[in-house]
Each structure stands twice: as C-alpha cells, then as structure tokens.
Amino acid sequence: PPSAQAGVTCTVSVSQVPGGEVTSVRVNSC
C-alpha cells in the first residue's frame, strides 16, 4: 500500500488444513 514504509514488520496468525488451504488470517500487530 502507499502508506507502507520500508522495514515494516507484522506478526500474523494463520490457520490452515492439510494441503495448505488457508481458513483464517489475523494480523496481531505491526
């Protein structure tokens, strides 16, 4: 996005099923 700055870091929680299909995503912090 245009507002993104260099060196940004985020922690993300990802839930998946066997086969790698993503079921949910939540960005905890940036």
Full PDB file with SEQRES, HELIX, SHEET, SSBOND, CRYST1, ORIGX, SCALE, CONECT and MASTER records, all heavy atoms in Angstrom:
SEQRES   1 A   30  PRO PRO SER ALA GLN ALA GLY VAL THR CYS THR VAL SER          
SEQRES   2 A   30  VAL SER GLN VAL PRO GLY GLY GLU VAL THR SER VAL ARG          
SEQRES   3 A   30  VAL ASN SER CYS                                              
SHEET    1 AA1 2 THR A  11  GLN A  16  0                                        
SHEET    2 AA1 2 VAL A  22  SER A  29 -1                                        
SSBOND   1 CYS A   10    CYS A   30                          1555   1555  2.11  
CRYST1    1.000    1.000    1.000  90.00  90.00  90.00 P 1           1          
ORIGX1      1.000000  0.000000  0.000000        0.00000                         
ORIGX2      0.000000  1.000000  0.000000        0.00000                         
ORIGX3      0.000000  0.000000  1.000000        0.00000                         
SCALE1      1.000000  0.000000  0.000000        0.00000                         
SCALE2      0.000000  1.000000  0.000000        0.00000                         
SCALE3      0.000000  0.000000  1.000000        0.00000                         
ATOM      1  N   PRO A   1       0.835  -1.200   0.000  1.00  0.00           N  
ATOM      2  CA  PRO A   1       0.000   0.000   0.000  1.00  0.00           C  
ATOM      3  C   PRO A   1       0.882   1.266   0.000  1.00  0.00           C  
ATOM      4  O   PRO A   1       2.038   1.211   0.396  1.00  0.00           O  
ATOM      5  CB  PRO A   1      -0.802  -0.145   1.274  1.00  0.00           C  
ATOM      6  CG  PRO A   1       0.061  -0.926   2.169  1.00  0.00           C  
ATOM      7  CD  PRO A   1       0.827  -1.885   1.290  1.00  0.00           C  
ATOM      8  N   PRO A   2       0.333   2.383  -0.430  1.00  0.00           N  
ATOM      9  CA  PRO A   2       1.144   3.608  -0.483  1.00  0.00           C  
ATOM     10  C   PRO A   2       1.643   4.046   0.880  1.00  0.00           C  
ATOM     11  O   PRO A   2       2.696   4.681   1.001  1.00  0.00           O  
ATOM     12  CB  PRO A   2       0.185   4.633  -1.067  1.00  0.00           C  
ATOM     13  CG  PRO A   2      -0.829   3.834  -1.812  1.00  0.00           C  
ATOM     14  CD  PRO A   2      -0.967   2.566  -1.061  1.00  0.00           C  
ATOM     15  N   SER A   3       0.908   3.695   1.941  1.00  0.00           N  
ATOM     16  CA  SER A   3       1.304   4.152   3.282  1.00  0.00           C  
ATOM     17  C   SER A   3       2.380   3.292   3.902  1.00  0.00           C  
ATOM     18  O   SER A   3       2.874   3.595   4.986  1.00  0.00           O  
ATOM     19  CB  SER A   3       0.084   4.179   4.212  1.00  0.00           C  
ATOM     20  OG  SER A   3      -0.474   2.887   4.316  1.00  0.00           O  
ATOM     21  N   ALA A   4       2.714   2.188   3.245  1.00  0.00           N  
ATOM     22  CA  ALA A   4       3.699   1.285   3.830  1.00  0.00           C  
ATOM     23  C   ALA A   4       5.075   1.921   3.799  1.00  0.00           C  
ATOM     24  O   ALA A   4       5.429   2.585   2.834  1.00  0.00           O  
ATOM     25  CB  ALA A   4       3.686  -0.042   3.103  1.00  0.00           C  
ATOM     26  N   GLN A   5       5.826   1.700   4.819  1.00  0.00           N  
ATOM     27  CA  GLN A   5       7.179   2.221   4.919  1.00  0.00           C  
ATOM     28  C   GLN A   5       8.166   1.068   4.844  1.00  0.00           C  
ATOM     29  O   GLN A   5       7.819  -0.084   5.106  1.00  0.00           O  
ATOM     30  CB  GLN A   5       7.366   2.995   6.236  1.00  0.00           C  
ATOM     31  CG  GLN A   5       6.454   4.197   6.395  1.00  0.00           C  
ATOM     32  CD  GLN A   5       6.612   4.865   7.750  1.00  0.00           C  
ATOM     33  OE1 GLN A   5       7.457   4.471   8.574  1.00  0.00           O  
ATOM     34  NE2 GLN A   5       5.828   5.927   7.986  1.00  0.00           N  
ATOM     35  N   ALA A   6       9.386   1.396   4.519  1.00  0.00           N  
ATOM     36  CA  ALA A   6      10.416   0.376   4.432  1.00  0.00           C  
ATOM     37  C   ALA A   6      10.748  -0.109   5.820  1.00  0.00           C  
ATOM     38  O   ALA A   6      10.738   0.647   6.797  1.00  0.00           O  
ATOM     39  CB  ALA A   6      11.653   0.940   3.741  1.00  0.00           C  
ATOM     40  N   GLY A   7      11.069  -1.420   5.922  1.00  0.00           N  
ATOM     41  CA  GLY A   7      11.435  -2.014   7.197  1.00  0.00           C  
ATOM     42  C   GLY A   7      10.260  -2.308   8.103  1.00  0.00           C  
ATOM     43  O   GLY A   7      10.433  -2.556   9.312  1.00  0.00           O  
ATOM     44  N   VAL A   8       9.017  -2.361   7.544  1.00  0.00           N  
ATOM     45  CA  VAL A   8       7.840  -2.681   8.353  1.00  0.00           C  
ATOM     46  C   VAL A   8       7.848  -4.162   8.740  1.00  0.00           C  
ATOM     47  O   VAL A   8       8.292  -5.019   7.955  1.00  0.00           O  
ATOM     48  CB  VAL A   8       6.544  -2.306   7.610  1.00  0.00           C  
ATOM     49  CG1 VAL A   8       6.343  -3.175   6.385  1.00  0.00           C  
ATOM     50  CG2 VAL A   8       5.357  -2.418   8.542  1.00  0.00           C  
ATOM     51  N   THR A   9       7.331  -4.466   9.929  1.00  0.00           N  
ATOM     52  CA  THR A   9       7.266  -5.858  10.418  1.00  0.00           C  
ATOM     53  C   THR A   9       5.898  -6.095  11.055  1.00  0.00           C  
ATOM     54  O   THR A   9       5.433  -5.278  11.850  1.00  0.00           O  
ATOM     55  CB  THR A   9       8.356  -6.129  11.446  1.00  0.00           C  
ATOM     56  OG1 THR A   9       9.637  -5.844  10.845  1.00  0.00           O  
ATOM     57  CG2 THR A   9       8.327  -7.577  11.913  1.00  0.00           C  
ATOM     58  N   CYS A  10       5.300  -7.294  10.698  1.00  0.00           N  
ATOM     59  CA  CYS A  10       3.984  -7.681  11.277  1.00  0.00           C  
ATOM     60  C   CYS A  10       4.040  -9.135  11.723  1.00  0.00           C  
ATOM     61  O   CYS A  10       4.683  -9.977  11.094  1.00  0.00           O  
ATOM     62  CB  CYS A  10       2.876  -7.501  10.248  1.00  0.00           C  
ATOM     63  SG  CYS A  10       2.604  -5.801   9.727  1.00  0.00           S  
ATOM     64  N   THR A  11       3.308  -9.416  12.838  1.00  0.00           N  
ATOM     65  CA  THR A  11       3.125 -10.817  13.277  1.00  0.00           C  
ATOM     66  C   THR A  11       1.718 -11.248  12.865  1.00  0.00           C  
ATOM     67  O   THR A  11       0.731 -10.549  13.122  1.00  0.00           O  
ATOM     68  CB  THR A  11       3.274 -10.947  14.799  1.00  0.00           C  
ATOM     69  OG1 THR A  11       2.343 -10.100  15.429  1.00  0.00           O  
ATOM     70  CG2 THR A  11       4.695 -10.540  15.219  1.00  0.00           C  
ATOM     71  N   VAL A  12       1.667 -12.427  12.207  1.00  0.00           N  
ATOM     72  CA  VAL A  12       0.415 -12.887  11.616  1.00  0.00           C  
ATOM     73  C   VAL A  12       0.121 -14.300  12.111  1.00  0.00           C  
ATOM     74  O   VAL A  12       1.013 -15.160  12.149  1.00  0.00           O  
ATOM     75  CB  VAL A  12       0.502 -12.863  10.086  1.00  0.00           C  
ATOM     76  CG1 VAL A  12      -0.843 -13.254   9.463  1.00  0.00           C  
ATOM     77  CG2 VAL A  12       0.949 -11.503   9.584  1.00  0.00           C  
ATOM     78  N   SER A  13      -1.191 -14.537  12.502  1.00  0.00           N  
ATOM     79  CA  SER A  13      -1.664 -15.890  12.865  1.00  0.00           C  
ATOM     80  C   SER A  13      -2.429 -16.452  11.680  1.00  0.00           C  
ATOM     81  O   SER A  13      -3.395 -15.842  11.205  1.00  0.00           O  
ATOM     82  CB  SER A  13      -2.570 -15.836  14.086  1.00  0.00           C  
ATOM     83  OG  SER A  13      -1.844 -15.390  15.203  1.00  0.00           O  
ATOM     84  N   VAL A  14      -2.019 -17.659  11.250  1.00  0.00           N  
ATOM     85  CA  VAL A  14      -2.611 -18.268  10.071  1.00  0.00           C  
ATOM     86  C   VAL A  14      -3.101 -19.670  10.447  1.00  0.00           C  
ATOM     87  O   VAL A  14      -2.363 -20.441  11.063  1.00  0.00           O  
ATOM     88  CB  VAL A  14      -1.606 -18.341   8.911  1.00  0.00           C  
ATOM     89  CG1 VAL A  14      -2.254 -19.009   7.689  1.00  0.00           C  
ATOM     90  CG2 VAL A  14      -1.081 -16.968   8.557  1.00  0.00           C  
ATOM     91  N   SER A  15      -4.344 -19.976  10.056  1.00  0.00           N  
ATOM     92  CA  SER A  15      -4.891 -21.336  10.243  1.00  0.00           C  
ATOM     93  C   SER A  15      -5.050 -21.972   8.885  1.00  0.00           C  
ATOM     94  O   SER A  15      -5.567 -21.353   7.945  1.00  0.00           O  
ATOM     95  CB  SER A  15      -6.241 -21.282  10.958  1.00  0.00           C  
ATOM     96  OG  SER A  15      -6.075 -20.763  12.255  1.00  0.00           O  
ATOM     97  N   GLN A  16      -4.612 -23.265   8.793  1.00  0.00           N  
ATOM     98  CA  GLN A  16      -4.672 -23.979   7.530  1.00  0.00           C  
ATOM     99  C   GLN A  16      -5.107 -25.401   7.762  1.00  0.00           C  
ATOM    100  O   GLN A  16      -5.142 -25.888   8.887  1.00  0.00           O  
ATOM    101  CB  GLN A  16      -3.300 -23.955   6.851  1.00  0.00           C  
ATOM    102  CG  GLN A  16      -2.229 -24.697   7.647  1.00  0.00           C  
ATOM    103  CD  GLN A  16      -0.907 -24.799   6.929  1.00  0.00           C  
ATOM    104  OE1 GLN A  16      -0.811 -24.575   5.702  1.00  0.00           O  
ATOM    105  NE2 GLN A  16       0.161 -25.134   7.652  1.00  0.00           N  
ATOM    106  N   VAL A  17      -5.468 -26.089   6.707  1.00  0.00           N  
ATOM    107  CA  VAL A  17      -5.834 -27.508   6.742  1.00  0.00           C  
ATOM    108  C   VAL A  17      -4.766 -28.261   5.973  1.00  0.00           C  
ATOM    109  O   VAL A  17      -3.983 -27.663   5.216  1.00  0.00           O  
ATOM    110  CB  VAL A  17      -7.230 -27.713   6.113  1.00  0.00           C  
ATOM    111  CG1 VAL A  17      -8.298 -27.047   6.955  1.00  0.00           C  
ATOM    112  CG2 VAL A  17      -7.264 -27.227   4.685  1.00  0.00           C  
ATOM    113  N   PRO A  18      -4.711 -29.591   6.173  1.00  0.00           N  
ATOM    114  CA  PRO A  18      -3.736 -30.351   5.389  1.00  0.00           C  
ATOM    115  C   PRO A  18      -3.920 -30.079   3.899  1.00  0.00           C  
ATOM    116  O   PRO A  18      -5.030 -30.097   3.398  1.00  0.00           O  
ATOM    117  CB  PRO A  18      -4.048 -31.797   5.752  1.00  0.00           C  
ATOM    118  CG  PRO A  18      -4.623 -31.719   7.118  1.00  0.00           C  
ATOM    119  CD  PRO A  18      -5.407 -30.432   7.130  1.00  0.00           C  
ATOM    120  N   GLY A  19      -2.826 -29.819   3.261  1.00  0.00           N  
ATOM    121  CA  GLY A  19      -2.868 -29.416   1.861  1.00  0.00           C  
ATOM    122  C   GLY A  19      -2.543 -27.956   1.691  1.00  0.00           C  
ATOM    123  O   GLY A  19      -2.349 -27.482   0.570  1.00  0.00           O  
ATOM    124  N   GLY A  20      -2.492 -27.172   2.796  1.00  0.00           N  
ATOM    125  CA  GLY A  20      -2.089 -25.797   2.756  1.00  0.00           C  
ATOM    126  C   GLY A  20      -3.189 -24.795   2.536  1.00  0.00           C  
ATOM    127  O   GLY A  20      -2.917 -23.592   2.434  1.00  0.00           O  
ATOM    128  N   GLU A  21      -4.484 -25.212   2.486  1.00  0.00           N  
ATOM    129  CA  GLU A  21      -5.589 -24.276   2.269  1.00  0.00           C  
ATOM    130  C   GLU A  21      -5.776 -23.411   3.517  1.00  0.00           C  
ATOM    131  O   GLU A  21      -5.949 -23.905   4.628  1.00  0.00           O  
ATOM    132  CB  GLU A  21      -6.874 -25.029   1.975  1.00  0.00           C  
ATOM    133  CG  GLU A  21      -8.020 -24.142   1.580  1.00  0.00           C  
ATOM    134  CD  GLU A  21      -7.818 -23.550   0.189  1.00  0.00           C  
ATOM    135  OE1 GLU A  21      -7.102 -24.160  -0.631  1.00  0.00           O  
ATOM    136  OE2 GLU A  21      -8.383 -22.484  -0.074  1.00  0.00           O  
ATOM    137  N   VAL A  22      -5.719 -22.083   3.332  1.00  0.00           N  
ATOM    138  CA  VAL A  22      -5.848 -21.137   4.441  1.00  0.00           C  
ATOM    139  C   VAL A  22      -7.319 -21.002   4.807  1.00  0.00           C  
ATOM    140  O   VAL A  22      -8.173 -20.783   3.941  1.00  0.00           O  
ATOM    141  CB  VAL A  22      -5.251 -19.776   4.076  1.00  0.00           C  
ATOM    142  CG1 VAL A  22      -5.461 -18.777   5.208  1.00  0.00           C  
ATOM    143  CG2 VAL A  22      -3.755 -19.911   3.756  1.00  0.00           C  
ATOM    144  N   THR A  23      -7.629 -21.108   6.095  1.00  0.00           N  
ATOM    145  CA  THR A  23      -9.019 -20.989   6.566  1.00  0.00           C  
ATOM    146  C   THR A  23      -9.267 -19.672   7.292  1.00  0.00           C  
ATOM    147  O   THR A  23     -10.396 -19.184   7.299  1.00  0.00           O  
ATOM    148  CB  THR A  23      -9.354 -22.156   7.501  1.00  0.00           C  
ATOM    149  OG1 THR A  23      -8.423 -22.159   8.588  1.00  0.00           O  
ATOM    150  CG2 THR A  23      -9.278 -23.490   6.763  1.00  0.00           C  
ATOM    151  N   SER A  24      -8.227 -19.103   7.938  1.00  0.00           N  
ATOM    152  CA  SER A  24      -8.405 -17.810   8.615  1.00  0.00           C  
ATOM    153  C   SER A  24      -7.051 -17.121   8.740  1.00  0.00           C  
ATOM    154  O   SER A  24      -6.016 -17.784   8.809  1.00  0.00           O  
ATOM    155  CB  SER A  24      -9.038 -17.996   9.984  1.00  0.00           C  
ATOM    156  OG  SER A  24      -8.145 -18.687  10.836  1.00  0.00           O  
ATOM    157  N   VAL A  25      -7.132 -15.739   8.811  1.00  0.00           N  
ATOM    158  CA  VAL A  25      -5.924 -14.923   8.943  1.00  0.00           C  
ATOM    159  C   VAL A  25      -6.221 -13.827   9.944  1.00  0.00           C  
ATOM    160  O   VAL A  25      -7.309 -13.235   9.925  1.00  0.00           O  
ATOM    161  CB  VAL A  25      -5.492 -14.316   7.595  1.00  0.00           C  
ATOM    162  CG1 VAL A  25      -4.243 -13.440   7.784  1.00  0.00           C  
ATOM    163  CG2 VAL A  25      -5.241 -15.395   6.565  1.00  0.00           C  
ATOM    164  N   ARG A  26      -5.261 -13.538  10.837  1.00  0.00           N  
ATOM    165  CA  ARG A  26      -5.406 -12.410  11.755  1.00  0.00           C  
ATOM    166  C   ARG A  26      -4.035 -11.773  11.949  1.00  0.00           C  
ATOM    167  O   ARG A  26      -3.088 -12.462  12.345  1.00  0.00           O  
ATOM    168  CB  ARG A  26      -5.958 -12.873  13.105  1.00  0.00           C  
ATOM    169  CG  ARG A  26      -6.226 -11.676  14.026  1.00  0.00           C  
ATOM    170  CD  ARG A  26      -6.813 -12.127  15.371  1.00  0.00           C  
ATOM    171  NE  ARG A  26      -5.819 -12.774  16.217  1.00  0.00           N  
ATOM    172  CZ  ARG A  26      -5.779 -14.074  16.452  1.00  0.00           C  
ATOM    173  NH1 ARG A  26      -6.692 -14.879  15.893  1.00  0.00           N  
ATOM    174  NH2 ARG A  26      -4.857 -14.606  17.222  1.00  0.00           N  
ATOM    175  N   VAL A  27      -3.983 -10.462  11.634  1.00  0.00           N  
ATOM    176  CA  VAL A  27      -2.749  -9.695  11.843  1.00  0.00           C  
ATOM    177  C   VAL A  27      -2.751  -9.247  13.287  1.00  0.00           C  
ATOM    178  O   VAL A  27      -3.596  -8.449  13.701  1.00  0.00           O  
ATOM    179  CB  VAL A  27      -2.654  -8.489  10.881  1.00  0.00           C  
ATOM    180  CG1 VAL A  27      -1.377  -7.691  11.166  1.00  0.00           C  
ATOM    181  CG2 VAL A  27      -2.680  -8.967   9.446  1.00  0.00           C  
ATOM    182  N   ASN A  28      -1.835  -9.765  14.079  1.00  0.00           N  
ATOM    183  CA  ASN A  28      -1.805  -9.458  15.501  1.00  0.00           C  
ATOM    184  C   ASN A  28      -1.251  -8.056  15.764  1.00  0.00           C  
ATOM    185  O   ASN A  28      -1.849  -7.296  16.551  1.00  0.00           O  
ATOM    186  CB  ASN A  28      -0.968 -10.498  16.247  1.00  0.00           C  
ATOM    187  CG  ASN A  28      -1.576 -11.902  16.138  1.00  0.00           C  
ATOM    188  OD1 ASN A  28      -2.785 -12.053  16.126  1.00  0.00           O  
ATOM    189  ND2 ASN A  28      -0.725 -12.914  16.041  1.00  0.00           N  
ATOM    190  N   SER A  29      -0.140  -7.725  15.128  1.00  0.00           N  
ATOM    191  CA  SER A  29       0.466  -6.407  15.361  1.00  0.00           C  
ATOM    192  C   SER A  29       1.411  -6.079  14.207  1.00  0.00           C  
ATOM    193  O   SER A  29       1.867  -6.973  13.492  1.00  0.00           O  
ATOM    194  CB  SER A  29       1.239  -6.393  16.699  1.00  0.00           C  
ATOM    195  OG  SER A  29       2.317  -7.309  16.631  1.00  0.00           O  
ATOM    196  N   CYS A  30       1.654  -4.789  14.054  1.00  0.00           N  
ATOM    197  CA  CYS A  30       2.604  -4.299  13.057  1.00  0.00           C  
ATOM    198  C   CYS A  30       3.501  -3.236  13.708  1.00  0.00           C  
ATOM    199  O   CYS A  30       3.118  -2.614  14.714  1.00  0.00           O  
ATOM    200  CB  CYS A  30       1.898  -3.693  11.855  1.00  0.00           C  
ATOM    201  SG  CYS A  30       1.031  -4.931  10.839  1.00  0.00           S  
TER     202      CYS A  30                                                      
CONECT   63  201                                                                
CONECT  201   63                                                                
MASTER        0    0    0    0    2    0    0    6  201    1    2    3          
END                                                                             
